């Protein structure tokens, strides 16, 4: 049963019509209202933050301040429907990741639509990944992303496999957006329960990101790509988010191929609930920390 806190949050999202926020942003062509393009100053209390550039874009490395840092590096790709940048929830989550795992986190401010398409996003992430491989063993690399960043992370891992490049040790996807076509028939049965995401708005944002490329291309919708030959795959998803339809599809695809997948579907949870402060959020974050420590 969902916690009281999560039920109240669900009600709040409905009252403020959170589902309509992206539609309004798309209509206005303004997507940076909630952006925090750089780590807030409070994070400096627990992390060292180093900023550098790849392909003319900012990249932030968050390092633990204690001396017992781990050799693992997490390449983190933020969500935001491919049109929105970092927000405060991202930075808070990344700071907690550093604190609880002692890993180094590398978080790029990758190009976004409508100014850019997926091609520029992949160019930057690829350049950054290969830059990391100069000093970090791929067995010490974890690829992680939420929402759109989760879709980008899986698609990028598939691209690396196709290019016969070194795979990251793990791929951890948080409420991933796996199919920008949003044509899974299972969405229809879930959308009324989702107070956060609206199918048509996501389709519109996806088209901006895709440019002239068909939205069912695996680099845009990795649910259409192969899962073979990838790093260890883990998925966290809520049953009350429309993206769960394609997460379930991904799970079935993996099982049909005999591919091991850590699949965590939380009943009654909404999009990106793991960033919040519910009992379910804390439990999911602990599972994420355990995955990082385990492999």
C-alpha atoms as a PDB file:
ATOM      1  CA  UNK A   1       0.000   0.000   0.000  1.00  0.00           C
ATOM      2  CA  UNK A   2       1.249   3.479  -0.888  1.00  0.00           C
ATOM      3  CA  UNK A   3       2.408   5.697   1.972  1.00  0.00           C
ATOM      4  CA  UNK A   4       0.318   8.618   3.180  1.00  0.00           C
ATOM      5  CA  UNK A   5       2.999  11.033   1.928  1.00  0.00           C
ATOM      6  CA  UNK A   6       2.892   9.640  -1.595  1.00  0.00           C
ATOM      7  CA  UNK A   7      -0.922   9.722  -1.664  1.00  0.00           C
ATOM      8  CA  UNK A   8      -0.924  13.387  -0.623  1.00  0.00           C
ATOM      9  CA  UNK A   9       1.678  14.187  -3.276  1.00  0.00           C
ATOM     10  CA  UNK A  10      -0.435  12.415  -5.896  1.00  0.00           C
ATOM     11  CA  UNK A  11      -3.404  14.592  -4.916  1.00  0.00           C
ATOM     12  CA  UNK A  12      -1.274  17.756  -5.014  1.00  0.00           C
ATOM     13  CA  UNK A  13      -0.067  16.972  -8.541  1.00  0.00           C
ATOM     14  CA  UNK A  14      -3.682  16.713  -9.668  1.00  0.00           C
ATOM     15  CA  UNK A  15      -4.690  19.942  -7.937  1.00  0.00           C
ATOM     16  CA  UNK A  16      -1.916  21.962  -9.610  1.00  0.00           C
ATOM     17  CA  UNK A  17      -2.445  20.194 -12.954  1.00  0.00           C
ATOM     18  CA  UNK A  18       1.176  19.088 -13.153  1.00  0.00           C
ATOM     19  CA  UNK A  19       0.166  17.072 -16.202  1.00  0.00           C
ATOM     20  CA  UNK A  20      -0.333  20.321 -18.132  1.00  0.00           C
ATOM     21  CA  UNK A  21       3.042  21.929 -17.310  1.00  0.00           C
ATOM     22  CA  UNK A  22       4.951  20.516 -20.283  1.00  0.00           C
ATOM     23  CA  UNK A  23       2.137  21.416 -22.680  1.00  0.00           C
ATOM     24  CA  UNK A  24       2.286  25.039 -21.504  1.00  0.00           C
ATOM     25  CA  UNK A  25       6.070  25.103 -21.832  1.00  0.00           C
ATOM     26  CA  UNK A  26       5.863  23.722 -25.364  1.00  0.00           C
ATOM     27  CA  UNK A  27       3.232  26.311 -26.308  1.00  0.00           C
ATOM     28  CA  UNK A  28       5.335  29.158 -24.883  1.00  0.00           C
ATOM     29  CA  UNK A  29       8.653  27.798 -26.147  1.00  0.00           C
ATOM     30  CA  UNK A  30      10.131  28.391 -22.687  1.00  0.00           C
ATOM     31  CA  UNK A  31      11.615  25.431 -20.834  1.00  0.00           C
ATOM     32  CA  UNK A  32      14.020  26.845 -18.241  1.00  0.00           C
ATOM     33  CA  UNK A  33      11.616  27.993 -15.516  1.00  0.00           C
ATOM     34  CA  UNK A  34      12.709  25.248 -13.115  1.00  0.00           C
ATOM     35  CA  UNK A  35      16.242  24.718 -14.372  1.00  0.00           C
ATOM     36  CA  UNK A  36      19.271  24.768 -12.081  1.00  0.00           C
ATOM     37  CA  UNK A  37      22.087  24.653 -14.654  1.00  0.00           C
ATOM     38  CA  UNK A  38      24.792  24.448 -11.974  1.00  0.00           C
ATOM     39  CA  UNK A  39      24.990  22.699  -8.585  1.00  0.00           C
ATOM     40  CA  UNK A  40      23.534  24.819  -5.748  1.00  0.00           C
ATOM     41  CA  UNK A  41      26.042  26.149  -3.256  1.00  0.00           C
ATOM     42  CA  UNK A  42      24.822  23.838  -0.482  1.00  0.00           C
ATOM     43  CA  UNK A  43      26.201  20.827  -2.326  1.00  0.00           C
ATOM     44  CA  UNK A  44      29.716  22.194  -1.852  1.00  0.00           C
ATOM     45  CA  UNK A  45      29.451  21.217   1.825  1.00  0.00           C
ATOM     46  CA  UNK A  46      29.483  17.528   0.960  1.00  0.00           C
ATOM     47  CA  UNK A  47      31.080  17.362  -2.514  1.00  0.00           C
ATOM     48  CA  UNK A  48      33.949  18.768  -4.458  1.00  0.00           C
ATOM     49  CA  UNK A  49      32.562  20.123  -7.719  1.00  0.00           C
ATOM     50  CA  UNK A  50      34.731  20.447 -10.810  1.00  0.00           C
ATOM     51  CA  UNK A  51      33.392  22.071 -13.977  1.00  0.00           C
ATOM     52  CA  UNK A  52      34.888  21.537 -17.420  1.00  0.00           C
ATOM     53  CA  UNK A  53      33.651  21.517 -20.996  1.00  0.00           C
ATOM     54  CA  UNK A  54      33.154  18.935 -23.726  1.00  0.00           C
ATOM     55  CA  UNK A  55      32.033  20.090 -27.174  1.00  0.00           C
ATOM     56  CA  UNK A  56      31.466  23.560 -25.756  1.00  0.00           C
ATOM     57  CA  UNK A  57      29.019  22.306 -23.086  1.00  0.00           C
ATOM     58  CA  UNK A  58      29.434  22.201 -19.322  1.00  0.00           C
ATOM     59  CA  UNK A  59      30.203  18.956 -17.526  1.00  0.00           C
ATOM     60  CA  UNK A  60      30.159  18.698 -13.724  1.00  0.00           C
ATOM     61  CA  UNK A  61      32.148  16.186 -11.721  1.00  0.00           C
ATOM     62  CA  UNK A  62      31.008  15.654  -8.130  1.00  0.00           C
ATOM     63  CA  UNK A  63      33.595  14.004  -5.880  1.00  0.00           C
ATOM     64  CA  UNK A  64      33.364  12.873  -2.255  1.00  0.00           C
ATOM     65  CA  UNK A  65      35.174  15.053   0.259  1.00  0.00           C
ATOM     66  CA  UNK A  66      36.333  12.136   2.383  1.00  0.00           C
ATOM     67  CA  UNK A  67      39.461  10.231   1.412  1.00  0.00           C
ATOM     68  CA  UNK A  68      37.718   6.870   1.115  1.00  0.00           C
ATOM     69  CA  UNK A  69      36.474   7.511  -2.394  1.00  0.00           C
ATOM     70  CA  UNK A  70      35.600   4.548  -4.595  1.00  0.00           C
ATOM     71  CA  UNK A  71      37.124   3.823  -7.984  1.00  0.00           C
ATOM     72  CA  UNK A  72      33.688   3.775  -9.595  1.00  0.00           C
ATOM     73  CA  UNK A  73      32.463   6.632 -11.764  1.00  0.00           C
ATOM     74  CA  UNK A  74      28.809   7.265 -12.568  1.00  0.00           C
ATOM     75  CA  UNK A  75      28.012   8.998 -15.851  1.00  0.00           C
ATOM     76  CA  UNK A  76      24.628  10.551 -15.072  1.00  0.00           C
ATOM     77  CA  UNK A  77      22.202  11.775 -17.742  1.00  0.00           C
ATOM     78  CA  UNK A  78      19.433  13.989 -16.380  1.00  0.00           C
ATOM     79  CA  UNK A  79      15.792  13.861 -17.409  1.00  0.00           C
ATOM     80  CA  UNK A  80      13.455  16.583 -18.583  1.00  0.00           C
ATOM     81  CA  UNK A  81      11.703  15.342 -21.745  1.00  0.00           C
ATOM     82  CA  UNK A  82      14.815  16.319 -23.762  1.00  0.00           C
ATOM     83  CA  UNK A  83      13.789  19.985 -23.467  1.00  0.00           C
ATOM     84  CA  UNK A  84      14.539  20.753 -19.795  1.00  0.00           C
ATOM     85  CA  UNK A  85      17.868  20.882 -17.985  1.00  0.00           C
ATOM     86  CA  UNK A  86      19.012  19.975 -14.486  1.00  0.00           C
ATOM     87  CA  UNK A  87      16.667  20.815 -11.625  1.00  0.00           C
ATOM     88  CA  UNK A  88      17.163  20.947  -7.868  1.00  0.00           C
ATOM     89  CA  UNK A  89      15.968  17.340  -7.410  1.00  0.00           C
ATOM     90  CA  UNK A  90      18.755  16.123  -9.703  1.00  0.00           C
ATOM     91  CA  UNK A  91      21.483  17.897  -7.755  1.00  0.00           C
ATOM     92  CA  UNK A  92      20.161  16.732  -4.387  1.00  0.00           C
ATOM     93  CA  UNK A  93      19.996  13.144  -5.623  1.00  0.00           C
ATOM     94  CA  UNK A  94      23.509  13.284  -7.077  1.00  0.00           C
ATOM     95  CA  UNK A  95      24.902  14.740  -3.849  1.00  0.00           C
ATOM     96  CA  UNK A  96      23.297  11.917  -1.871  1.00  0.00           C
ATOM     97  CA  UNK A  97      24.715   9.388  -4.359  1.00  0.00           C
ATOM     98  CA  UNK A  98      28.201  10.753  -3.735  1.00  0.00           C
ATOM     99  CA  UNK A  99      27.722  10.717   0.021  1.00  0.00           C
ATOM    100  CA  UNK A 100      26.309   7.166   0.182  1.00  0.00           C
ATOM    101  CA  UNK A 101      28.524   5.450  -2.386  1.00  0.00           C
ATOM    102  CA  UNK A 102      31.771   7.492  -2.396  1.00  0.00           C
ATOM    103  CA  UNK A 103      31.643   7.360  -6.201  1.00  0.00           C
ATOM    104  CA  UNK A 104      32.627  10.133  -8.560  1.00  0.00           C
ATOM    105  CA  UNK A 105      29.689  11.406 -10.583  1.00  0.00           C
ATOM    106  CA  UNK A 106      30.057  13.015 -14.005  1.00  0.00           C
ATOM    107  CA  UNK A 107      26.958  14.913 -15.140  1.00  0.00           C
ATOM    108  CA  UNK A 108      26.883  16.604 -18.562  1.00  0.00           C
ATOM    109  CA  UNK A 109      24.663  19.514 -19.516  1.00  0.00           C
ATOM    110  CA  UNK A 110      23.952  17.825 -22.847  1.00  0.00           C
ATOM    111  CA  UNK A 111      22.290  19.675 -25.783  1.00  0.00           C
ATOM    112  CA  UNK A 112      18.511  19.892 -25.652  1.00  0.00           C
ATOM    113  CA  UNK A 113      15.624  20.424 -28.045  1.00  0.00           C
ATOM    114  CA  UNK A 114      14.336  22.563 -29.657  1.00  0.00           C
ATOM    115  CA  UNK A 115      17.720  24.232 -30.214  1.00  0.00           C
ATOM    116  CA  UNK A 116      19.338  20.840 -30.841  1.00  0.00           C
ATOM    117  CA  UNK A 117      18.374  17.295 -31.801  1.00  0.00           C
ATOM    118  CA  UNK A 118      19.494  13.934 -30.512  1.00  0.00           C
ATOM    119  CA  UNK A 119      22.470  13.996 -32.876  1.00  0.00           C
ATOM    120  CA  UNK A 120      24.234  16.739 -30.898  1.00  0.00           C
ATOM    121  CA  UNK A 121      23.277  15.061 -27.614  1.00  0.00           C
ATOM    122  CA  UNK A 122      24.908  11.801 -28.663  1.00  0.00           C
ATOM    123  CA  UNK A 123      27.972  13.582 -30.019  1.00  0.00           C
ATOM    124  CA  UNK A 124      28.586  15.221 -26.651  1.00  0.00           C
ATOM    125  CA  UNK A 125      27.846  12.152 -24.522  1.00  0.00           C
ATOM    126  CA  UNK A 126      30.039   9.995 -26.766  1.00  0.00           C
ATOM    127  CA  UNK A 127      32.933  12.462 -26.573  1.00  0.00           C
ATOM    128  CA  UNK A 128      32.584  12.584 -22.786  1.00  0.00           C
ATOM    129  CA  UNK A 129      32.391   8.797 -22.419  1.00  0.00           C
ATOM    130  CA  UNK A 130      35.536   8.229 -24.457  1.00  0.00           C
ATOM    131  CA  UNK A 131      37.246  11.021 -22.526  1.00  0.00           C
ATOM    132  CA  UNK A 132      36.422   9.147 -19.297  1.00  0.00           C
ATOM    133  CA  UNK A 133      37.807   5.909 -20.717  1.00  0.00           C
ATOM    134  CA  UNK A 134      41.221   7.557 -20.925  1.00  0.00           C
ATOM    135  CA  UNK A 135      41.488   7.412 -17.132  1.00  0.00           C
ATOM    136  CA  UNK A 136      38.679   5.108 -15.944  1.00  0.00           C
ATOM    137  CA  UNK A 137      38.342   1.376 -16.621  1.00  0.00           C
ATOM    138  CA  UNK A 138      34.965   0.542 -18.182  1.00  0.00           C
ATOM    139  CA  UNK A 139      34.440  -2.005 -15.382  1.00  0.00           C
ATOM    140  CA  UNK A 140      34.383   0.956 -13.004  1.00  0.00           C
ATOM    141  CA  UNK A 141      31.857   2.922 -15.075  1.00  0.00           C
ATOM    142  CA  UNK A 142      28.125   3.031 -14.376  1.00  0.00           C
ATOM    143  CA  UNK A 143      25.710   4.662 -16.817  1.00  0.00           C
ATOM    144  CA  UNK A 144      22.649   6.089 -15.071  1.00  0.00           C
ATOM    145  CA  UNK A 145      19.793   8.344 -16.106  1.00  0.00           C
ATOM    146  CA  UNK A 146      16.274   9.357 -15.195  1.00  0.00           C
ATOM    147  CA  UNK A 147      13.276   9.819 -17.476  1.00  0.00           C
ATOM    148  CA  UNK A 148      14.549  11.110 -20.852  1.00  0.00           C
ATOM    149  CA  UNK A 149      18.068  10.644 -19.504  1.00  0.00           C
ATOM    150  CA  UNK A 150      17.207   7.000 -18.864  1.00  0.00           C
ATOM    151  CA  UNK A 151      16.186   6.559 -22.487  1.00  0.00           C
ATOM    152  CA  UNK A 152      19.346   8.319 -23.619  1.00  0.00           C
ATOM    153  CA  UNK A 153      21.465   6.112 -21.342  1.00  0.00           C
ATOM    154  CA  UNK A 154      20.050   2.856 -22.726  1.00  0.00           C
ATOM    155  CA  UNK A 155      20.256   4.064 -26.333  1.00  0.00           C
ATOM    156  CA  UNK A 156      23.855   5.161 -25.796  1.00  0.00           C
ATOM    157  CA  UNK A 157      24.774   1.745 -24.357  1.00  0.00           C
ATOM    158  CA  UNK A 158      23.224   0.129 -27.442  1.00  0.00           C
ATOM    159  CA  UNK A 159      25.224   2.471 -29.673  1.00  0.00           C
ATOM    160  CA  UNK A 160      28.443   1.549 -27.856  1.00  0.00           C
ATOM    161  CA  UNK A 161      27.663  -2.139 -28.349  1.00  0.00           C
ATOM    162  CA  UNK A 162      27.006  -1.605 -32.060  1.00  0.00           C
ATOM    163  CA  UNK A 163      30.321   0.236 -32.366  1.00  0.00           C
ATOM    164  CA  UNK A 164      32.092  -2.549 -30.465  1.00  0.00           C
ATOM    165  CA  UNK A 165      33.209  -0.022 -27.841  1.00  0.00           C
ATOM    166  CA  UNK A 166      33.702  -0.838 -24.145  1.00  0.00           C
ATOM    167  CA  UNK A 167      30.444  -1.226 -22.250  1.00  0.00           C
ATOM    168  CA  UNK A 168      29.854   0.335 -18.833  1.00  0.00           C
ATOM    169  CA  UNK A 169      29.677  -2.182 -16.001  1.00  0.00           C
ATOM    170  CA  UNK A 170      26.080  -1.233 -15.198  1.00  0.00           C
ATOM    171  CA  UNK A 171      23.174   0.664 -16.710  1.00  0.00           C
ATOM    172  CA  UNK A 172      20.697   1.944 -14.118  1.00  0.00           C
ATOM    173  CA  UNK A 173      17.488   3.494 -15.447  1.00  0.00           C
ATOM    174  CA  UNK A 174      15.154   5.563 -13.246  1.00  0.00           C
ATOM    175  CA  UNK A 175      11.610   6.073 -14.572  1.00  0.00           C
ATOM    176  CA  UNK A 176      13.066   5.779 -18.094  1.00  0.00           C
ATOM    177  CA  UNK A 177      11.359   7.161 -21.210  1.00  0.00           C
ATOM    178  CA  UNK A 178      12.042   4.267 -23.565  1.00  0.00           C
ATOM    179  CA  UNK A 179       9.807   5.056 -26.559  1.00  0.00           C
ATOM    180  CA  UNK A 180       9.167   8.605 -27.718  1.00  0.00           C
ATOM    181  CA  UNK A 181       6.468   7.375 -30.133  1.00  0.00           C
ATOM    182  CA  UNK A 182       4.261   6.673 -27.091  1.00  0.00           C
ATOM    183  CA  UNK A 183       2.311   4.111 -29.147  1.00  0.00           C
ATOM    184  CA  UNK A 184       2.278   1.256 -26.633  1.00  0.00           C
ATOM    185  CA  UNK A 185      -1.421   0.296 -26.258  1.00  0.00           C
ATOM    186  CA  UNK A 186      -0.834  -0.259 -22.551  1.00  0.00           C
ATOM    187  CA  UNK A 187      -0.493   3.495 -22.047  1.00  0.00           C
ATOM    188  CA  UNK A 188      -4.240   3.958 -22.457  1.00  0.00           C
ATOM    189  CA  UNK A 189      -4.973   1.921 -19.338  1.00  0.00           C
ATOM    190  CA  UNK A 190      -2.505   3.864 -17.214  1.00  0.00           C
ATOM    191  CA  UNK A 191      -2.804   7.495 -18.305  1.00  0.00           C
ATOM    192  CA  UNK A 192      -5.816   8.322 -16.112  1.00  0.00           C
ATOM    193  CA  UNK A 193      -3.820   7.216 -13.049  1.00  0.00           C
ATOM    194  CA  UNK A 194      -0.762   9.302 -13.979  1.00  0.00           C
ATOM    195  CA  UNK A 195      -0.970  12.824 -12.474  1.00  0.00           C
ATOM    196  CA  UNK A 196       2.421  13.821 -13.887  1.00  0.00           C
ATOM    197  CA  UNK A 197       2.841  12.899 -17.565  1.00  0.00           C
ATOM    198  CA  UNK A 198       0.642  13.439 -20.607  1.00  0.00           C
ATOM    199  CA  UNK A 199       1.077  11.321 -23.734  1.00  0.00           C
ATOM    200  CA  UNK A 200       0.514  14.068 -26.324  1.00  0.00           C
ATOM    201  CA  UNK A 201       2.944  16.502 -24.685  1.00  0.00           C
ATOM    202  CA  UNK A 202       5.671  13.875 -24.567  1.00  0.00           C
ATOM    203  CA  UNK A 203       5.072  13.007 -28.215  1.00  0.00           C
ATOM    204  CA  UNK A 204       5.473  16.675 -29.131  1.00  0.00           C
ATOM    205  CA  UNK A 205       8.714  17.020 -27.151  1.00  0.00           C
ATOM    206  CA  UNK A 206       9.986  13.774 -28.669  1.00  0.00           C
ATOM    207  CA  UNK A 207       9.434  15.084 -32.201  1.00  0.00           C
ATOM    208  CA  UNK A 208      11.493  18.181 -31.417  1.00  0.00           C
ATOM    209  CA  UNK A 209      14.323  15.996 -30.148  1.00  0.00           C
ATOM    210  CA  UNK A 210      14.114  13.608 -33.120  1.00  0.00           C
ATOM    211  CA  UNK A 211      14.271  16.283 -35.822  1.00  0.00           C
ATOM    212  CA  UNK A 212      13.908  14.596 -39.211  1.00  0.00           C
ATOM    213  CA  UNK A 213      14.677  11.095 -37.907  1.00  0.00           C
ATOM    214  CA  UNK A 214      11.895   8.546 -37.442  1.00  0.00           C
ATOM    215  CA  UNK A 215      10.964   8.468 -33.721  1.00  0.00           C
ATOM    216  CA  UNK A 216      11.105   4.673 -33.654  1.00  0.00           C
ATOM    217  CA  UNK A 217      14.865   4.701 -34.345  1.00  0.00           C
ATOM    218  CA  UNK A 218      16.605   2.926 -31.465  1.00  0.00           C
ATOM    219  CA  UNK A 219      18.698   6.006 -30.618  1.00  0.00           C
ATOM    220  CA  UNK A 220      15.442   7.812 -29.888  1.00  0.00           C
ATOM    221  CA  UNK A 221      13.384   4.880 -28.621  1.00  0.00           C
ATOM    222  CA  UNK A 222      15.748   2.194 -27.300  1.00  0.00           C
ATOM    223  CA  UNK A 223      12.887  -0.235 -26.640  1.00  0.00           C
ATOM    224  CA  UNK A 224      13.253  -1.005 -30.373  1.00  0.00           C
ATOM    225  CA  UNK A 225      16.954  -1.787 -30.000  1.00  0.00           C
ATOM    226  CA  UNK A 226      18.650  -4.999 -28.906  1.00  0.00           C
ATOM    227  CA  UNK A 227      19.444  -5.657 -25.253  1.00  0.00           C
ATOM    228  CA  UNK A 228      22.128  -8.229 -25.976  1.00  0.00           C
ATOM    229  CA  UNK A 229      25.735  -7.464 -25.103  1.00  0.00           C
ATOM    230  CA  UNK A 230      25.007  -4.597 -22.723  1.00  0.00           C
ATOM    231  CA  UNK A 231      26.177  -3.931 -19.191  1.00  0.00           C
ATOM    232  CA  UNK A 232      24.162  -5.172 -16.211  1.00  0.00           C
ATOM    233  CA  UNK A 233      20.686  -3.622 -16.588  1.00  0.00           C
ATOM    234  CA  UNK A 234      18.467  -2.306 -13.775  1.00  0.00           C
ATOM    235  CA  UNK A 235      15.143  -0.459 -14.076  1.00  0.00           C
ATOM    236  CA  UNK A 236      13.153   1.453 -11.454  1.00  0.00           C
ATOM    237  CA  UNK A 237       9.610   2.456 -12.436  1.00  0.00           C
ATOM    238  CA  UNK A 238       6.281   3.359 -10.800  1.00  0.00           C
ATOM    239  CA  UNK A 239       2.996   1.652 -11.688  1.00  0.00           C
ATOM    240  CA  UNK A 240       1.197   5.025 -11.905  1.00  0.00           C
ATOM    241  CA  UNK A 241       3.395   6.507 -14.625  1.00  0.00           C
ATOM    242  CA  UNK A 242       2.574   5.992 -18.292  1.00  0.00           C
ATOM    243  CA  UNK A 243       6.203   5.103 -18.972  1.00  0.00           C
ATOM    244  CA  UNK A 244       5.677   1.816 -17.130  1.00  0.00           C
ATOM    245  CA  UNK A 245       4.034   0.318 -20.224  1.00  0.00           C
ATOM    246  CA  UNK A 246       7.339   0.352 -22.089  1.00  0.00           C
ATOM    247  CA  UNK A 247       9.355  -0.585 -18.996  1.00  0.00           C
ATOM    248  CA  UNK A 248       7.253  -3.751 -18.765  1.00  0.00           C
ATOM    249  CA  UNK A 249       7.820  -4.338 -22.477  1.00  0.00           C
ATOM    250  CA  UNK A 250      11.567  -3.994 -21.945  1.00  0.00           C
ATOM    251  CA  UNK A 251      11.441  -6.513 -19.102  1.00  0.00           C
ATOM    252  CA  UNK A 252       9.605  -9.031 -21.285  1.00  0.00           C
ATOM    253  CA  UNK A 253      12.098  -8.515 -24.104  1.00  0.00           C
ATOM    254  CA  UNK A 254      15.002  -9.165 -21.755  1.00  0.00           C
ATOM    255  CA  UNK A 255      13.410 -12.289 -20.293  1.00  0.00           C
ATOM    256  CA  UNK A 256      12.593 -13.635 -23.774  1.00  0.00           C
ATOM    257  CA  UNK A 257      16.297 -13.405 -24.647  1.00  0.00           C
ATOM    258  CA  UNK A 258      17.456 -14.842 -21.331  1.00  0.00           C
ATOM    259  CA  UNK A 259      19.024 -11.520 -20.382  1.00  0.00           C
ATOM    260  CA  UNK A 260      19.224 -10.818 -16.656  1.00  0.00           C
ATOM    261  CA  UNK A 261      17.492  -7.609 -15.577  1.00  0.00           C
ATOM    262  CA  UNK A 262      16.946  -6.099 -12.142  1.00  0.00           C
ATOM    263  CA  UNK A 263      13.395  -4.812 -12.433  1.00  0.00           C
ATOM    264  CA  UNK A 264      11.833  -2.777  -9.609  1.00  0.00           C
ATOM    265  CA  UNK A 265       8.229  -1.678 -10.187  1.00  0.00           C
ATOM    266  CA  UNK A 266       6.772   0.226  -7.252  1.00  0.00           C
ATOM    267  CA  UNK A 267       2.996   0.068  -6.847  1.00  0.00           C
ATOM    268  CA  UNK A 268       1.128   3.399  -7.051  1.00  0.00           C
ATOM    269  CA  UNK A 269       4.289   5.475  -7.485  1.00  0.00           C
ATOM    270  CA  UNK A 270       4.413   8.425  -9.875  1.00  0.00           C
ATOM    271  CA  UNK A 271       7.158   9.588 -12.212  1.00  0.00           C
ATOM    272  CA  UNK A 272      10.617  10.019 -10.646  1.00  0.00           C
ATOM    273  CA  UNK A 273       9.311   9.290  -7.152  1.00  0.00           C
ATOM    274  CA  UNK A 274      12.769   8.074  -6.101  1.00  0.00           C
ATOM    275  CA  UNK A 275      13.960  11.712  -5.907  1.00  0.00           C
ATOM    276  CA  UNK A 276      11.415  12.584  -3.229  1.00  0.00           C
ATOM    277  CA  UNK A 277      11.241  11.890   0.498  1.00  0.00           C
ATOM    278  CA  UNK A 278       8.581   9.181   0.777  1.00  0.00           C
ATOM    279  CA  UNK A 279       9.302   5.860   2.490  1.00  0.00           C
ATOM    280  CA  UNK A 280       9.127   4.294  -0.995  1.00  0.00           C
ATOM    281  CA  UNK A 281      11.666   6.840  -2.277  1.00  0.00           C
ATOM    282  CA  UNK A 282      14.135   6.041   0.489  1.00  0.00           C
ATOM    283  CA  UNK A 283      13.729   2.315  -0.135  1.00  0.00           C
ATOM    284  CA  UNK A 284      14.362   2.748  -3.887  1.00  0.00           C
ATOM    285  CA  UNK A 285      17.426   4.903  -3.279  1.00  0.00           C
ATOM    286  CA  UNK A 286      18.831   2.287  -0.918  1.00  0.00           C
ATOM    287  CA  UNK A 287      18.346  -0.340  -3.629  1.00  0.00           C
ATOM    288  CA  UNK A 288      20.212   1.915  -6.059  1.00  0.00           C
ATOM    289  CA  UNK A 289      23.074   2.341  -3.585  1.00  0.00           C
ATOM    290  CA  UNK A 290      23.160  -1.425  -3.049  1.00  0.00           C
ATOM    291  CA  UNK A 291      23.404  -2.074  -6.790  1.00  0.00           C
ATOM    292  CA  UNK A 292      26.357   0.282  -7.012  1.00  0.00           C
ATOM    293  CA  UNK A 293      28.126  -1.422  -4.121  1.00  0.00           C
ATOM    294  CA  UNK A 294      27.205  -4.953  -5.216  1.00  0.00           C
ATOM    295  CA  UNK A 295      28.719  -5.066  -8.690  1.00  0.00           C
END
